[in-house]
Amino acid sequence: MAAPFVQPVAPAPAVAPPLFGVVFVGKSFPIPEQAWTRIDATHWVLDVCTQVLPTYWELKELTLFLTQPNILDPSLALGLYLKIGNSNEWLYRGCVHQGHPAELVPLQWPSGEQDAVYPAPGAVQIGVSVEPAAEIVNKEGSKLAAREEFAKLVGVDLFRFMESFQKTAVGDHLVVPANALDRWFLRFQEKYRKDPDFLARDKEKL
Protein backbone atom coordinates (compact mmCIF):
# COMPACT_ATOMS: atom_id res chain seq x y z
CA MET A 1 0.00 0.00 0.00
CA ALA A 2 1.36 3.36 -0.96
CA ALA A 3 2.29 5.71 1.82
CA PRO A 4 -0.33 8.39 2.35
CA PHE A 5 0.40 11.74 0.83
CA VAL A 6 1.58 14.21 3.44
CA GLN A 7 0.67 17.80 2.82
CA PRO A 8 3.73 20.00 3.51
CA VAL A 9 3.22 22.43 6.36
CA ALA A 10 4.25 26.02 5.82
CA PRO A 11 6.68 27.27 8.48
CA ALA A 12 5.12 29.47 11.13
CA PRO A 13 5.98 33.15 10.86
CA ALA A 14 8.82 34.23 13.11
CA VAL A 15 7.68 35.77 16.39
CA ALA A 16 10.00 38.03 18.35
CA PRO A 17 10.82 36.51 21.75
CA PRO A 18 9.82 38.46 24.86
CA LEU A 19 12.50 40.84 26.07
CA PHE A 20 11.95 40.17 29.78
CA GLY A 21 9.79 38.42 32.32
CA VAL A 22 9.14 38.47 36.04
CA VAL A 23 8.26 35.90 38.68
CA PHE A 24 6.75 36.96 41.99
CA VAL A 25 8.60 34.64 44.35
CA GLY A 26 6.28 31.98 45.72
CA LYS A 27 3.20 33.71 44.27
CA SER A 28 3.20 33.48 40.46
CA PHE A 29 4.30 31.67 37.36
CA PRO A 30 6.58 33.59 34.96
CA ILE A 31 4.86 36.67 33.55
CA PRO A 32 6.42 37.52 30.16
CA GLU A 33 6.60 40.91 28.51
CA GLN A 34 3.53 40.16 26.35
CA ALA A 35 1.31 40.04 29.46
CA TRP A 36 2.23 43.62 30.34
CA THR A 37 0.63 46.78 28.95
CA ARG A 38 3.10 48.41 26.59
CA ILE A 39 3.02 52.19 26.99
CA ASP A 40 5.57 52.94 24.27
CA ALA A 41 8.72 51.44 22.76
CA THR A 42 10.61 51.50 26.07
CA HIS A 43 8.00 51.30 28.86
CA TRP A 44 5.72 48.54 30.17
CA VAL A 45 3.28 48.49 33.07
CA LEU A 46 1.76 45.59 35.03
CA ASP A 47 -1.43 46.11 37.05
CA VAL A 48 -0.55 44.14 40.17
CA CYS A 49 -3.96 43.77 41.80
CA THR A 50 -5.79 42.53 38.70
CA GLN A 51 -3.01 40.49 37.09
CA VAL A 52 -1.13 39.08 40.07
CA LEU A 53 -2.72 39.37 43.53
CA PRO A 54 -5.28 41.78 45.02
CA THR A 55 -3.53 41.66 48.39
CA TYR A 56 -0.40 43.14 46.85
CA TRP A 57 1.34 43.59 50.22
CA GLU A 58 1.79 39.81 50.35
CA LEU A 59 4.16 40.09 47.37
CA LYS A 60 7.54 40.52 49.02
CA GLU A 61 9.99 40.09 46.15
CA LEU A 62 10.20 39.25 42.47
CA THR A 63 12.80 38.07 40.00
CA LEU A 64 13.29 40.22 36.90
CA PHE A 65 15.11 38.46 34.05
CA LEU A 66 16.12 38.80 30.41
CA THR A 67 14.79 35.91 28.36
CA GLN A 68 17.89 35.07 26.32
CA PRO A 69 21.51 36.14 25.66
CA ASN A 70 22.20 39.24 23.57
CA ILE A 71 18.54 40.29 23.49
CA LEU A 72 19.39 43.72 24.91
CA ASP A 73 21.98 46.16 23.64
CA PRO A 74 25.02 46.19 26.01
CA SER A 75 24.66 49.97 26.44
CA LEU A 76 21.12 49.57 27.80
CA ALA A 77 19.52 48.18 30.95
CA LEU A 78 16.01 47.45 32.19
CA GLY A 79 14.97 49.29 35.33
CA LEU A 80 12.12 48.06 37.52
CA TYR A 81 9.88 50.52 39.38
CA LEU A 82 6.70 50.47 41.42
CA LYS A 83 3.93 52.97 42.08
CA ILE A 84 1.11 52.78 44.57
CA GLY A 85 -1.99 54.83 45.34
CA ASN A 86 -2.38 58.37 44.05
CA SER A 87 1.33 59.10 43.99
CA ASN A 88 2.84 60.04 40.63
CA GLU A 89 6.29 58.93 41.79
CA TRP A 90 7.77 55.74 40.40
CA LEU A 91 10.12 54.18 42.96
CA TYR A 92 13.23 52.44 41.64
CA ARG A 93 13.80 48.89 42.87
CA GLY A 94 16.37 47.13 40.65
CA CYS A 95 17.70 46.39 37.16
CA VAL A 96 19.02 43.80 34.72
CA HIS A 97 21.38 44.06 31.74
CA GLN A 98 23.47 41.80 29.54
CA GLY A 99 26.15 41.39 32.18
CA HIS A 100 23.57 40.76 34.92
CA PRO A 101 20.58 39.07 33.25
CA ALA A 102 18.53 38.29 36.37
CA GLU A 103 17.93 40.06 39.67
CA LEU A 104 16.01 39.19 42.85
CA VAL A 105 14.23 42.44 43.74
CA PRO A 106 12.76 43.22 47.19
CA LEU A 107 9.57 45.19 46.53
CA GLN A 108 9.42 47.14 49.81
CA TRP A 109 5.99 48.66 49.26
CA PRO A 110 5.67 52.22 50.57
CA SER A 111 3.82 52.48 53.85
CA GLY A 112 0.82 54.68 54.43
CA GLU A 113 -0.88 53.82 51.15
CA GLN A 114 -1.99 50.26 51.90
CA ASP A 115 -5.70 49.61 51.52
CA ALA A 116 -6.91 46.78 53.75
CA VAL A 117 -9.67 46.20 51.21
CA TYR A 118 -8.72 45.23 47.68
CA PRO A 119 -7.43 48.35 45.88
CA ALA A 120 -9.07 49.47 42.65
CA PRO A 121 -7.56 48.41 39.31
CA GLY A 122 -4.58 50.56 38.46
CA ALA A 123 -3.91 51.55 42.06
CA VAL A 124 -0.79 49.38 42.34
CA GLN A 125 1.55 49.10 39.36
CA ILE A 126 4.98 47.79 38.50
CA GLY A 127 6.83 49.33 35.58
CA VAL A 128 9.79 48.27 33.47
CA SER A 129 11.79 50.80 31.48
CA VAL A 130 14.60 50.53 28.93
CA GLU A 131 17.25 53.04 29.94
CA PRO A 132 20.92 53.85 29.28
CA ALA A 133 23.03 51.61 31.49
CA ALA A 134 24.99 54.63 32.74
CA GLU A 135 21.83 56.14 34.24
CA ILE A 136 20.93 52.88 35.97
CA VAL A 137 24.39 52.79 37.58
CA ASN A 138 23.58 56.05 39.39
CA LYS A 139 20.30 54.62 40.65
CA GLU A 140 22.06 51.48 41.84
CA GLY A 141 24.46 53.68 43.80
CA SER A 142 21.55 55.35 45.53
CA LYS A 143 20.06 51.96 46.32
CA LEU A 144 23.36 50.81 47.84
CA ALA A 145 23.43 53.89 50.06
CA ALA A 146 19.89 53.08 51.17
CA ARG A 147 20.96 49.53 52.06
CA GLU A 148 23.86 50.87 54.11
CA GLU A 149 21.47 53.17 55.97
CA PHE A 150 19.12 50.24 56.56
CA ALA A 151 21.99 48.15 57.98
CA LYS A 152 22.86 50.99 60.36
CA LEU A 153 19.24 51.24 61.53
CA VAL A 154 19.11 47.49 62.13
CA GLY A 155 22.24 47.78 64.28
CA VAL A 156 20.73 50.65 66.28
CA ASP A 157 17.51 48.68 66.79
CA LEU A 158 19.51 45.72 68.10
CA PHE A 159 21.52 47.95 70.45
CA ARG A 160 18.36 49.59 71.84
CA PHE A 161 16.84 46.16 72.44
CA MET A 162 19.96 44.92 74.24
CA GLU A 163 20.11 48.15 76.20
CA SER A 164 16.59 47.56 77.54
CA PHE A 165 17.91 44.67 79.64
CA GLN A 166 20.49 46.82 81.38
CA LYS A 167 19.39 47.53 84.94
CA THR A 168 22.66 48.57 86.55
CA ALA A 169 25.79 49.98 85.03
CA VAL A 170 28.74 47.61 84.64
CA GLY A 171 31.39 49.90 83.30
CA ASP A 172 31.11 50.18 79.53
CA HIS A 173 29.49 46.76 79.15
CA LEU A 174 25.89 45.63 78.64
CA VAL A 175 24.68 42.64 80.63
CA VAL A 176 21.97 40.77 78.69
CA PRO A 177 20.31 37.33 78.82
CA ALA A 178 22.02 34.58 76.84
CA ASN A 179 19.06 34.32 74.46
CA ALA A 180 18.74 38.07 73.91
CA LEU A 181 19.87 37.91 70.28
CA ASP A 182 17.32 35.20 69.44
CA ARG A 183 14.58 37.19 71.15
CA TRP A 184 15.52 40.33 69.25
CA PHE A 185 15.58 38.52 65.90
CA LEU A 186 12.11 37.03 66.42
CA ARG A 187 10.81 40.47 67.40
CA PHE A 188 12.50 42.08 64.39
CA GLN A 189 11.08 39.49 61.98
CA GLU A 190 7.55 40.00 63.27
CA LYS A 191 7.74 43.79 63.05
CA TYR A 192 9.40 43.75 59.60
CA ARG A 193 6.79 41.40 58.13
CA LYS A 194 4.01 43.66 59.34
CA ASP A 195 5.70 46.90 58.34
CA PRO A 196 8.96 46.92 56.32
CA ASP A 197 9.32 50.68 56.92
CA PHE A 198 9.14 50.64 60.73
CA LEU A 199 12.87 51.36 61.07
CA ALA A 200 12.60 54.52 58.98
CA ARG A 201 9.90 55.86 61.29
CA ASP A 202 11.76 54.77 64.41
CA LYS A 203 14.79 56.70 63.14
CA GLU A 204 13.08 59.95 64.08
CA LYS A 205 12.84 58.76 67.68
CA LEU A 206 16.56 58.02 68.04
C-alpha atoms as a PDB file:
ATOM      1  CA  MET A   1       0.000   0.000   0.000  1.00  0.00           C
ATOM      2  CA  ALA A   2       1.362   3.363  -0.958  1.00  0.00           C
ATOM      3  CA  ALA A   3       2.288   5.707   1.821  1.00  0.00           C
ATOM      4  CA  PRO A   4      -0.327   8.388   2.351  1.00  0.00           C
ATOM      5  CA  PHE A   5       0.404  11.737   0.826  1.00  0.00           C
ATOM      6  CA  VAL A   6       1.583  14.211   3.444  1.00  0.00           C
ATOM      7  CA  GLN A   7       0.673  17.797   2.825  1.00  0.00           C
ATOM      8  CA  PRO A   8       3.730  19.998   3.511  1.00  0.00           C
ATOM      9  CA  VAL A   9       3.218  22.430   6.364  1.00  0.00           C
ATOM     10  CA  ALA A  10       4.246  26.017   5.822  1.00  0.00           C
ATOM     11  CA  PRO A  11       6.679  27.272   8.485  1.00  0.00           C
ATOM     12  CA  ALA A  12       5.124  29.470  11.130  1.00  0.00           C
ATOM     13  CA  PRO A  13       5.982  33.153  10.863  1.00  0.00           C
ATOM     14  CA  ALA A  14       8.824  34.228  13.109  1.00  0.00           C
ATOM     15  CA  VAL A  15       7.679  35.767  16.389  1.00  0.00           C
ATOM     16  CA  ALA A  16      10.002  38.026  18.353  1.00  0.00           C
ATOM     17  CA  PRO A  17      10.815  36.513  21.752  1.00  0.00           C
ATOM     18  CA  PRO A  18       9.825  38.462  24.857  1.00  0.00           C
ATOM     19  CA  LEU A  19      12.498  40.843  26.066  1.00  0.00           C
ATOM     20  CA  PHE A  20      11.955  40.170  29.776  1.00  0.00           C
ATOM     21  CA  GLY A  21       9.785  38.423  32.321  1.00  0.00           C
ATOM     22  CA  VAL A  22       9.140  38.466  36.044  1.00  0.00           C
ATOM     23  CA  VAL A  23       8.261  35.898  38.680  1.00  0.00           C
ATOM     24  CA  PHE A  24       6.754  36.965  41.995  1.00  0.00           C
ATOM     25  CA  VAL A  25       8.601  34.638  44.350  1.00  0.00           C
ATOM     26  CA  GLY A  26       6.279  31.976  45.724  1.00  0.00           C
ATOM     27  CA  LYS A  27       3.204  33.713  44.267  1.00  0.00           C
ATOM     28  CA  SER A  28       3.201  33.482  40.459  1.00  0.00           C
ATOM     29  CA  PHE A  29       4.302  31.666  37.356  1.00  0.00           C
ATOM     30  CA  PRO A  30       6.576  33.594  34.961  1.00  0.00           C
ATOM     31  CA  ILE A  31       4.862  36.675  33.546  1.00  0.00           C
ATOM     32  CA  PRO A  32       6.418  37.521  30.157  1.00  0.00           C
ATOM     33  CA  GLU A  33       6.600  40.909  28.507  1.00  0.00           C
ATOM     34  CA  GLN A  34       3.534  40.159  26.347  1.00  0.00           C
ATOM     35  CA  ALA A  35       1.314  40.044  29.456  1.00  0.00           C
ATOM     36  CA  TRP A  36       2.227  43.625  30.337  1.00  0.00           C
ATOM     37  CA  THR A  37       0.631  46.785  28.948  1.00  0.00           C
ATOM     38  CA  ARG A  38       3.102  48.411  26.592  1.00  0.00           C
ATOM     39  CA  ILE A  39       3.020  52.186  26.989  1.00  0.00           C
ATOM     40  CA  ASP A  40       5.567  52.944  24.268  1.00  0.00           C
ATOM     41  CA  ALA A  41       8.724  51.443  22.763  1.00  0.00           C
ATOM     42  CA  THR A  42      10.612  51.505  26.074  1.00  0.00           C
ATOM     43  CA  HIS A  43       7.998  51.304  28.856  1.00  0.00           C
ATOM     44  CA  TRP A  44       5.725  48.538  30.167  1.00  0.00           C
ATOM     45  CA  VAL A  45       3.283  48.488  33.074  1.00  0.00           C
ATOM     46  CA  LEU A  46       1.758  45.594  35.032  1.00  0.00           C
ATOM     47  CA  ASP A  47      -1.434  46.110  37.051  1.00  0.00           C
ATOM     48  CA  VAL A  48      -0.546  44.142  40.173  1.00  0.00           C
ATOM     49  CA  CYS A  49      -3.955  43.770  41.801  1.00  0.00           C
ATOM     50  CA  THR A  50      -5.788  42.534  38.702  1.00  0.00           C
ATOM     51  CA  GLN A  51      -3.011  40.495  37.085  1.00  0.00           C
ATOM     52  CA  VAL A  52      -1.134  39.079  40.074  1.00  0.00           C
ATOM     53  CA  LEU A  53      -2.720  39.370  43.530  1.00  0.00           C
ATOM     54  CA  PRO A  54      -5.278  41.782  45.025  1.00  0.00           C
ATOM     55  CA  THR A  55      -3.528  41.662  48.391  1.00  0.00           C
ATOM     56  CA  TYR A  56      -0.404  43.138  46.853  1.00  0.00           C
ATOM     57  CA  TRP A  57       1.344  43.595  50.221  1.00  0.00           C
ATOM     58  CA  GLU A  58       1.795  39.807  50.346  1.00  0.00           C
ATOM     59  CA  LEU A  59       4.160  40.092  47.372  1.00  0.00           C
ATOM     60  CA  LYS A  60       7.541  40.523  49.024  1.00  0.00           C
ATOM     61  CA  GLU A  61       9.986  40.091  46.150  1.00  0.00           C
ATOM     62  CA  LEU A  62      10.202  39.254  42.468  1.00  0.00           C
ATOM     63  CA  THR A  63      12.795  38.069  39.998  1.00  0.00           C
ATOM     64  CA  LEU A  64      13.290  40.217  36.903  1.00  0.00           C
ATOM     65  CA  PHE A  65      15.109  38.465  34.053  1.00  0.00           C
ATOM     66  CA  LEU A  66      16.122  38.803  30.413  1.00  0.00           C
ATOM     67  CA  THR A  67      14.788  35.909  28.359  1.00  0.00           C
ATOM     68  CA  GLN A  68      17.892  35.073  26.318  1.00  0.00           C
ATOM     69  CA  PRO A  69      21.507  36.140  25.660  1.00  0.00           C
ATOM     70  CA  ASN A  70      22.197  39.245  23.574  1.00  0.00           C
ATOM     71  CA  ILE A  71      18.543  40.286  23.488  1.00  0.00           C
ATOM     72  CA  LEU A  72      19.392  43.721  24.910  1.00  0.00           C
ATOM     73  CA  ASP A  73      21.980  46.163  23.639  1.00  0.00           C
ATOM     74  CA  PRO A  74      25.021  46.192  26.012  1.00  0.00           C
ATOM     75  CA  SER A  75      24.660  49.968  26.437  1.00  0.00           C
ATOM     76  CA  LEU A  76      21.124  49.571  27.802  1.00  0.00           C
ATOM     77  CA  ALA A  77      19.515  48.184  30.946  1.00  0.00           C
ATOM     78  CA  LEU A  78      16.008  47.446  32.189  1.00  0.00           C
ATOM     79  CA  GLY A  79      14.967  49.291  35.335  1.00  0.00           C
ATOM     80  CA  LEU A  80      12.120  48.057  37.517  1.00  0.00           C
ATOM     81  CA  TYR A  81       9.881  50.515  39.379  1.00  0.00           C
ATOM     82  CA  LEU A  82       6.701  50.468  41.421  1.00  0.00           C
ATOM     83  CA  LYS A  83       3.934  52.971  42.075  1.00  0.00           C
ATOM     84  CA  ILE A  84       1.105  52.779  44.571  1.00  0.00           C
ATOM     85  CA  GLY A  85      -1.995  54.830  45.340  1.00  0.00           C
ATOM     86  CA  ASN A  86      -2.379  58.372  44.046  1.00  0.00           C
ATOM     87  CA  SER A  87       1.328  59.097  43.991  1.00  0.00           C
ATOM     88  CA  ASN A  88       2.845  60.042  40.630  1.00  0.00           C
ATOM     89  CA  GLU A  89       6.287  58.935  41.786  1.00  0.00           C
ATOM     90  CA  TRP A  90       7.768  55.738  40.401  1.00  0.00           C
ATOM     91  CA  LEU A  91      10.121  54.181  42.964  1.00  0.00           C
ATOM     92  CA  TYR A  92      13.230  52.443  41.636  1.00  0.00           C
ATOM     93  CA  ARG A  93      13.801  48.886  42.866  1.00  0.00           C
ATOM     94  CA  GLY A  94      16.369  47.129  40.645  1.00  0.00           C
ATOM     95  CA  CYS A  95      17.699  46.385  37.163  1.00  0.00           C
ATOM     96  CA  VAL A  96      19.024  43.796  34.723  1.00  0.00           C
ATOM     97  CA  HIS A  97      21.385  44.063  31.742  1.00  0.00           C
ATOM     98  CA  GLN A  98      23.469  41.801  29.535  1.00  0.00           C
ATOM     99  CA  GLY A  99      26.155  41.389  32.183  1.00  0.00           C
ATOM    100  CA  HIS A 100      23.574  40.759  34.921  1.00  0.00           C
ATOM    101  CA  PRO A 101      20.578  39.074  33.250  1.00  0.00           C
ATOM    102  CA  ALA A 102      18.532  38.291  36.370  1.00  0.00           C
ATOM    103  CA  GLU A 103      17.933  40.065  39.673  1.00  0.00           C
ATOM    104  CA  LEU A 104      16.014  39.194  42.846  1.00  0.00           C
ATOM    105  CA  VAL A 105      14.229  42.441  43.738  1.00  0.00           C
ATOM    106  CA  PRO A 106      12.759  43.219  47.192  1.00  0.00           C
ATOM    107  CA  LEU A 107       9.573  45.187  46.534  1.00  0.00           C
ATOM    108  CA  GLN A 108       9.418  47.141  49.808  1.00  0.00           C
ATOM    109  CA  TRP A 109       5.986  48.655  49.262  1.00  0.00           C
ATOM    110  CA  PRO A 110       5.675  52.223  50.566  1.00  0.00           C
ATOM    111  CA  SER A 111       3.823  52.480  53.853  1.00  0.00           C
ATOM    112  CA  GLY A 112       0.817  54.683  54.433  1.00  0.00           C
ATOM    113  CA  GLU A 113      -0.881  53.821  51.145  1.00  0.00           C
ATOM    114  CA  GLN A 114      -1.988  50.259  51.902  1.00  0.00           C
ATOM    115  CA  ASP A 115      -5.701  49.613  51.517  1.00  0.00           C
ATOM    116  CA  ALA A 116      -6.910  46.782  53.749  1.00  0.00           C
ATOM    117  CA  VAL A 117      -9.675  46.198  51.211  1.00  0.00           C
ATOM    118  CA  TYR A 118      -8.718  45.231  47.676  1.00  0.00           C
ATOM    119  CA  PRO A 119      -7.432  48.346  45.885  1.00  0.00           C
ATOM    120  CA  ALA A 120      -9.071  49.469  42.651  1.00  0.00           C
ATOM    121  CA  PRO A 121      -7.558  48.408  39.307  1.00  0.00           C
ATOM    122  CA  GLY A 122      -4.575  50.556  38.456  1.00  0.00           C
ATOM    123  CA  ALA A 123      -3.909  51.554  42.059  1.00  0.00           C
ATOM    124  CA  VAL A 124      -0.791  49.381  42.339  1.00  0.00           C
ATOM    125  CA  GLN A 125       1.547  49.102  39.361  1.00  0.00           C
ATOM    126  CA  ILE A 126       4.978  47.788  38.498  1.00  0.00           C
ATOM    127  CA  GLY A 127       6.826  49.329  35.583  1.00  0.00           C
ATOM    128  CA  VAL A 128       9.790  48.269  33.470  1.00  0.00           C
ATOM    129  CA  SER A 129      11.786  50.797  31.484  1.00  0.00           C
ATOM    130  CA  VAL A 130      14.600  50.533  28.930  1.00  0.00           C
ATOM    131  CA  GLU A 131      17.254  53.044  29.936  1.00  0.00           C
ATOM    132  CA  PRO A 132      20.922  53.846  29.283  1.00  0.00           C
ATOM    133  CA  ALA A 133      23.032  51.606  31.492  1.00  0.00           C
ATOM    134  CA  ALA A 134      24.993  54.626  32.744  1.00  0.00           C
ATOM    135  CA  GLU A 135      21.831  56.137  34.237  1.00  0.00           C
ATOM    136  CA  ILE A 136      20.931  52.880  35.967  1.00  0.00           C
ATOM    137  CA  VAL A 137      24.394  52.789  37.582  1.00  0.00           C
ATOM    138  CA  ASN A 138      23.581  56.046  39.390  1.00  0.00           C
ATOM    139  CA  LYS A 139      20.300  54.624  40.645  1.00  0.00           C
ATOM    140  CA  GLU A 140      22.059  51.481  41.839  1.00  0.00           C
ATOM    141  CA  GLY A 141      24.463  53.684  43.795  1.00  0.00           C
ATOM    142  CA  SER A 142      21.547  55.353  45.534  1.00  0.00           C
ATOM    143  CA  LYS A 143      20.057  51.958  46.318  1.00  0.00           C
ATOM    144  CA  LEU A 144      23.358  50.808  47.841  1.00  0.00           C
ATOM    145  CA  ALA A 145      23.431  53.887  50.063  1.00  0.00           C
ATOM    146  CA  ALA A 146      19.885  53.076  51.174  1.00  0.00           C
ATOM    147  CA  ARG A 147      20.958  49.526  52.057  1.00  0.00           C
ATOM    148  CA  GLU A 148      23.856  50.870  54.109  1.00  0.00           C
ATOM    149  CA  GLU A 149      21.473  53.172  55.969  1.00  0.00           C
ATOM    150  CA  PHE A 150      19.120  50.237  56.562  1.00  0.00           C
ATOM    151  CA  ALA A 151      21.987  48.151  57.981  1.00  0.00           C
ATOM    152  CA  LYS A 152      22.855  50.994  60.360  1.00  0.00           C
ATOM    153  CA  LEU A 153      19.238  51.243  61.525  1.00  0.00           C
ATOM    154  CA  VAL A 154      19.115  47.488  62.134  1.00  0.00           C
ATOM    155  CA  GLY A 155      22.238  47.779  64.280  1.00  0.00           C
ATOM    156  CA  VAL A 156      20.726  50.648  66.276  1.00  0.00           C
ATOM    157  CA  ASP A 157      17.512  48.680  66.795  1.00  0.00           C
ATOM    158  CA  LEU A 158      19.515  45.717  68.104  1.00  0.00           C
ATOM    159  CA  PHE A 159      21.520  47.946  70.450  1.00  0.00           C
ATOM    160  CA  ARG A 160      18.361  49.585  71.842  1.00  0.00           C
ATOM    161  CA  PHE A 161      16.837  46.163  72.442  1.00  0.00           C
ATOM    162  CA  MET A 162      19.961  44.922  74.236  1.00  0.00           C
ATOM    163  CA  GLU A 163      20.108  48.150  76.203  1.00  0.00           C
ATOM    164  CA  SER A 164      16.588  47.560  77.536  1.00  0.00           C
ATOM    165  CA  PHE A 165      17.910  44.666  79.637  1.00  0.00           C
ATOM    166  CA  GLN A 166      20.485  46.825  81.380  1.00  0.00           C
ATOM    167  CA  LYS A 167      19.389  47.531  84.940  1.00  0.00           C
ATOM    168  CA  THR A 168      22.656  48.569  86.552  1.00  0.00           C
ATOM    169  CA  ALA A 169      25.788  49.980  85.027  1.00  0.00           C
ATOM    170  CA  VAL A 170      28.738  47.612  84.641  1.00  0.00           C
ATOM    171  CA  GLY A 171      31.393  49.900  83.295  1.00  0.00           C
ATOM    172  CA  ASP A 172      31.111  50.184  79.528  1.00  0.00           C
ATOM    173  CA  HIS A 173      29.487  46.756  79.152  1.00  0.00           C
ATOM    174  CA  LEU A 174      25.895  45.632  78.640  1.00  0.00           C
ATOM    175  CA  VAL A 175      24.681  42.637  80.631  1.00  0.00           C
ATOM    176  CA  VAL A 176      21.968  40.775  78.694  1.00  0.00           C
ATOM    177  CA  PRO A 177      20.312  37.331  78.824  1.00  0.00           C
ATOM    178  CA  ALA A 178      22.024  34.575  76.842  1.00  0.00           C
ATOM    179  CA  ASN A 179      19.058  34.317  74.457  1.00  0.00           C
ATOM    180  CA  ALA A 180      18.739  38.071  73.915  1.00  0.00           C
ATOM    181  CA  LEU A 181      19.867  37.909  70.281  1.00  0.00           C
ATOM    182  CA  ASP A 182      17.316  35.202  69.444  1.00  0.00           C
ATOM    183  CA  ARG A 183      14.581  37.195  71.152  1.00  0.00           C
ATOM    184  CA  TRP A 184      15.524  40.334  69.252  1.00  0.00           C
ATOM    185  CA  PHE A 185      15.576  38.518  65.900  1.00  0.00           C
ATOM    186  CA  LEU A 186      12.114  37.027  66.423  1.00  0.00           C
ATOM    187  CA  ARG A 187      10.810  40.467  67.399  1.00  0.00           C
ATOM    188  CA  PHE A 188      12.500  42.076  64.390  1.00  0.00           C
ATOM    189  CA  GLN A 189      11.076  39.486  61.979  1.00  0.00           C
ATOM    190  CA  GLU A 190       7.548  40.003  63.271  1.00  0.00           C
ATOM    191  CA  LYS A 191       7.743  43.795  63.045  1.00  0.00           C
ATOM    192  CA  TYR A 192       9.397  43.754  59.601  1.00  0.00           C
ATOM    193  CA  ARG A 193       6.792  41.405  58.126  1.00  0.00           C
ATOM    194  CA  LYS A 194       4.006  43.655  59.339  1.00  0.00           C
ATOM    195  CA  ASP A 195       5.699  46.902  58.335  1.00  0.00           C
ATOM    196  CA  PRO A 196       8.959  46.915  56.316  1.00  0.00           C
ATOM    197  CA  ASP A 197       9.322  50.676  56.917  1.00  0.00           C
ATOM    198  CA  PHE A 198       9.141  50.644  60.727  1.00  0.00           C
ATOM    199  CA  LEU A 199      12.866  51.362  61.070  1.00  0.00           C
ATOM    200  CA  ALA A 200      12.596  54.515  58.980  1.00  0.00           C
ATOM    201  CA  ARG A 201       9.898  55.864  61.292  1.00  0.00           C
ATOM    202  CA  ASP A 202      11.763  54.766  64.413  1.00  0.00           C
ATOM    203  CA  LYS A 203      14.789  56.696  63.136  1.00  0.00           C
ATOM    204  CA  GLU A 204      13.078  59.951  64.076  1.00  0.00           C
ATOM    205  CA  LYS A 205      12.837  58.759  67.679  1.00  0.00           C
ATOM    206  CA  LEU A 206      16.557  58.023  68.037  1.00  0.00           C
END
